[in-house]
Protein backbone atom coordinates (compact mmCIF):
# COMPACT_ATOMS: atom_id res chain seq x y z
CA MET A 1 -0.02 -0.03 -0.26
CA LYS A 2 1.34 3.42 -1.02
CA SER A 3 1.86 6.49 1.27
CA LEU A 4 -0.70 8.69 1.54
CA THR A 5 2.11 11.24 2.21
CA ALA A 6 4.70 12.70 -0.88
CA HIS A 7 7.95 12.30 -0.29
CA LYS A 8 10.19 16.13 0.22
CA GLY A 9 10.26 16.59 -3.67
CA GLN A 10 8.13 14.74 -4.86
CA LEU A 11 4.75 15.69 -6.29
CA LEU A 12 1.25 14.54 -5.03
CA GLN A 13 -1.05 13.11 -8.27
CA ASP A 14 -4.52 13.14 -7.99
CA PRO A 15 -6.74 10.31 -8.05
CA PRO A 16 -6.87 8.80 -12.41
CA PHE A 17 -10.82 9.85 -12.70
CA VAL A 18 -10.15 13.12 -11.59
CA GLN A 19 -6.67 12.87 -14.09
CA GLN A 20 -9.51 12.18 -16.62
CA LEU A 21 -12.06 14.26 -15.27
CA PHE A 22 -10.29 17.42 -15.42
CA GLY A 23 -7.71 17.07 -18.08
CA ASN A 24 -8.58 15.05 -20.88
CA ARG A 25 -9.77 16.13 -24.20
CA ILE A 26 -12.51 13.51 -25.02
CA PHE A 27 -14.29 15.23 -21.53
CA GLY A 28 -14.78 18.22 -22.75
CA TRP A 29 -17.82 17.33 -24.72
CA LEU A 30 -19.10 16.00 -21.13
CA TRP A 31 -17.85 19.65 -20.13
CA LEU A 32 -20.18 21.66 -22.81
CA LEU A 33 -23.04 21.59 -21.47
CA PRO A 34 -22.67 22.85 -18.09
CA ARG A 35 -20.60 25.59 -19.92
CA LEU A 36 -23.40 26.54 -22.38
CA TRP A 37 -25.98 26.56 -19.93
CA LEU A 38 -24.05 28.28 -17.51
CA GLY A 39 -22.80 30.98 -20.39
CA TYR A 40 -26.69 30.67 -21.67
CA THR A 41 -27.85 32.18 -17.92
CA TRP A 42 -25.12 34.96 -17.81
CA LEU A 43 -26.00 36.36 -21.32
CA ASP A 44 -29.39 36.04 -20.50
CA ALA A 45 -29.24 38.08 -17.07
CA ALA A 46 -27.06 40.46 -19.05
CA LEU A 47 -29.59 41.21 -22.25
CA HIS A 48 -31.85 42.39 -19.59
CA LYS A 49 -29.52 44.89 -18.09
CA ILE A 50 -27.88 46.38 -21.66
CA THR A 51 -31.43 47.43 -22.04
CA ASP A 52 -31.99 48.92 -19.41
CA PRO A 53 -31.17 52.44 -18.89
CA LYS A 54 -30.81 52.43 -15.80
CA TRP A 55 -28.79 49.29 -15.27
CA THR A 56 -26.42 51.13 -18.03
CA GLN A 57 -27.23 54.55 -18.13
CA THR A 58 -28.40 56.49 -15.05
CA GLY A 59 -26.86 53.44 -12.54
CA GLU A 60 -29.94 53.43 -10.61
CA ALA A 61 -31.36 49.82 -10.71
CA ILE A 62 -27.26 48.92 -9.11
CA LEU A 63 -27.89 51.92 -6.46
CA GLY A 64 -31.09 50.30 -5.77
CA PHE A 65 -29.70 46.37 -5.18
CA TRP A 66 -26.98 48.20 -2.70
CA THR A 67 -29.57 49.85 -0.59
CA ARG A 68 -31.35 47.02 -0.01
CA ALA A 69 -28.38 44.94 0.96
CA VAL A 70 -26.54 47.62 3.23
CA THR A 71 -30.39 49.00 4.77
CA THR A 72 -30.98 47.12 8.51
CA PRO A 73 -34.92 46.24 8.84
CA GLU A 74 -36.26 46.85 12.29
CA GLY A 75 -35.40 44.17 14.71
CA GLY A 76 -34.57 41.99 11.91
CA ARG A 77 -30.91 41.57 10.85
CA PRO A 78 -29.25 43.24 7.79
CA PRO A 79 -28.62 40.94 3.90
CA ILE A 80 -24.79 41.63 4.35
CA SER A 81 -24.08 39.47 7.16
CA PHE A 82 -20.63 40.68 6.95
CA ASP A 83 -19.78 44.07 8.56
CA TRP A 84 -16.49 44.46 5.95
CA TYR A 85 -18.82 44.02 2.50
CA ARG A 86 -21.47 45.90 4.14
CA GLY A 87 -18.76 49.42 4.81
CA PHE A 88 -17.79 48.65 1.26
CA ILE A 89 -21.08 48.50 -1.06
CA GLN A 90 -22.10 51.66 1.49
CA MET A 91 -19.00 52.96 0.56
CA LEU A 92 -19.62 51.83 -3.18
CA ILE A 93 -23.40 54.13 -2.91
CA ASP A 94 -21.45 57.40 -0.97
CA THR A 95 -19.05 57.74 -4.46
CA ASN A 96 -21.99 57.43 -6.39
CA ALA A 97 -20.33 54.31 -7.69
CA GLN A 98 -23.55 53.07 -9.63
CA THR A 99 -23.09 55.75 -12.82
CA TRP A 100 -19.95 53.58 -13.87
CA PHE A 101 -20.71 50.11 -11.93
CA GLY A 102 -24.00 49.39 -12.95
CA PRO A 103 -22.99 49.09 -16.84
CA MET A 104 -19.40 47.03 -15.88
CA VAL A 105 -21.38 44.44 -14.05
CA ALA A 106 -24.32 44.38 -16.98
CA TYR A 107 -21.64 44.31 -19.62
CA GLY A 108 -19.91 42.05 -18.22
CA GLU A 109 -21.97 39.33 -17.67
CA PHE A 110 -22.71 39.75 -21.90
CA LEU A 111 -18.66 39.13 -21.80
CA ILE A 112 -18.84 36.25 -19.32
CA GLY A 113 -21.71 34.57 -21.18
CA LEU A 114 -19.95 34.96 -24.50
CA ALA A 115 -16.83 33.52 -23.30
CA LEU A 116 -19.01 30.44 -22.24
CA ILE A 117 -20.73 29.79 -24.90
CA ILE A 118 -17.95 30.39 -27.79
CA GLY A 119 -15.18 28.51 -25.44
CA ALA A 120 -13.11 30.99 -25.49
CA PHE A 121 -10.04 31.46 -22.07
CA THR A 122 -13.27 29.40 -20.21
CA GLY A 123 -11.22 28.97 -17.21
CA ILE A 124 -10.62 32.92 -16.64
CA ALA A 125 -14.37 33.75 -18.36
CA ALA A 126 -15.88 30.98 -15.34
CA PHE A 127 -13.22 32.83 -12.39
CA ALA A 128 -15.09 35.82 -13.67
CA GLY A 129 -18.59 34.07 -13.56
CA ALA A 130 -17.50 32.68 -10.00
CA PHE A 131 -16.16 35.86 -8.51
CA MET A 132 -19.78 37.67 -9.92
CA ASN A 133 -21.89 35.25 -8.18
CA TRP A 134 -19.59 35.52 -5.29
CA ASN A 135 -20.24 38.97 -4.34
CA PHE A 136 -23.57 38.79 -5.23
CA LEU A 137 -24.35 36.24 -2.61
CA MET A 138 -22.34 38.15 -0.34
CA ALA A 139 -24.76 41.15 -0.61
CA GLY A 140 -27.39 39.04 0.20
CA THR A 141 -28.87 37.66 -2.54
CA ALA A 142 -29.18 33.99 -2.89
CA SER A 143 -31.03 32.90 -6.08
CA THR A 144 -29.56 30.31 -8.44
CA ASN A 145 -26.12 32.16 -6.72
CA GLY A 146 -25.12 29.24 -5.60
CA LEU A 147 -25.53 26.83 -8.29
CA LEU A 148 -24.48 29.09 -10.56
CA LEU A 149 -21.20 29.72 -8.84
CA VAL A 150 -20.26 25.39 -7.96
CA VAL A 151 -20.78 24.77 -12.01
CA ALA A 152 -18.43 28.39 -12.22
CA ILE A 153 -15.67 25.98 -10.00
CA ALA A 154 -16.10 22.59 -11.95
CA LEU A 155 -14.86 25.42 -15.49
CA ILE A 156 -12.64 26.85 -13.32
CA LEU A 157 -11.11 23.26 -12.30
CA ALA A 158 -11.66 21.88 -15.63
CA TRP A 159 -10.13 24.91 -17.68
CA LYS A 160 -7.85 22.85 -20.21
CA VAL A 161 -10.58 20.63 -21.74
CA ALA A 162 -13.84 22.31 -20.43
CA GLY A 163 -13.51 24.45 -23.74
CA TYR A 164 -11.60 21.65 -25.79
CA VAL A 165 -15.04 21.31 -27.68
CA GLY A 166 -15.08 25.87 -28.82
CA ALA A 167 -12.55 28.44 -29.32
CA ASP A 168 -10.38 27.18 -26.27
CA PHE A 169 -9.02 24.39 -28.80
CA PHE A 170 -7.69 27.43 -31.66
CA LEU A 171 -6.55 29.65 -28.82
CA LEU A 172 -4.15 28.04 -26.16
CA ARG A 173 -2.71 26.07 -28.85
CA TRP A 174 -1.81 29.58 -30.31
CA LEU A 175 -1.19 31.51 -27.22
CA GLY A 176 0.36 28.51 -25.47
CA THR A 177 -0.04 26.99 -21.97
CA PRO A 178 2.13 26.73 -19.34
CA TRP A 179 2.77 22.88 -19.37
CA ARG A 180 3.64 23.31 -23.36
CA SER A 181 5.96 25.96 -25.06
CA ALA A 182 3.81 27.54 -27.24
CA ALA A 183 6.75 28.11 -30.27
CA THR A 184 8.51 24.56 -29.84
CA GLY A 185 5.49 22.10 -28.47
CA VAL A 186 8.22 21.09 -25.73
CA VAL A 187 6.16 19.61 -22.55
CA ALA A 188 7.77 22.44 -19.88
CA GLN A 189 8.92 19.22 -17.14
CA PRO A 190 9.20 20.05 -13.41
CA THR A 191 12.33 21.52 -11.85
CA ARG A 192 13.92 19.86 -9.94
CA ALA A 193 15.83 22.15 -6.91
């Protein structure tokens, strides 16, 4: 039986199934459905915001969201549980950040959805989406954000193959990746100290 601890200088190995799920190109087909669903979800949310001047011109929609999030109901708990995050949102309100933050959210959601649907920079797009979901959760909005966050984290873990059936098939080959040099095609080996 192999020891569960690694010796000094040795890398721990993932279980074979995990290696296949997150590293085998064939599983790119499996990741296609959650990637398209998540992309569509972001795109759908963005299109409602982009066509609404309260998001893209005045920021009135996000200001209303922030105001509800920082308001403590009489005898109740505020939607935001952490004082530091409530302070951050209050600072955004006090500095009238809604004028630039509303359009940033609307167009950011659009770009995340588009990138996920076409499979371009899938890991980065999923990370950006996960960050937005985390912020929505921190602001007290559960809705579907928890599920979206879990799917985004899975796509982040599968970044090497999640966009294989998509633009990443070409982009990652053209740009190169940490494990492969774009110019030489040589697989990089870990260095030993």
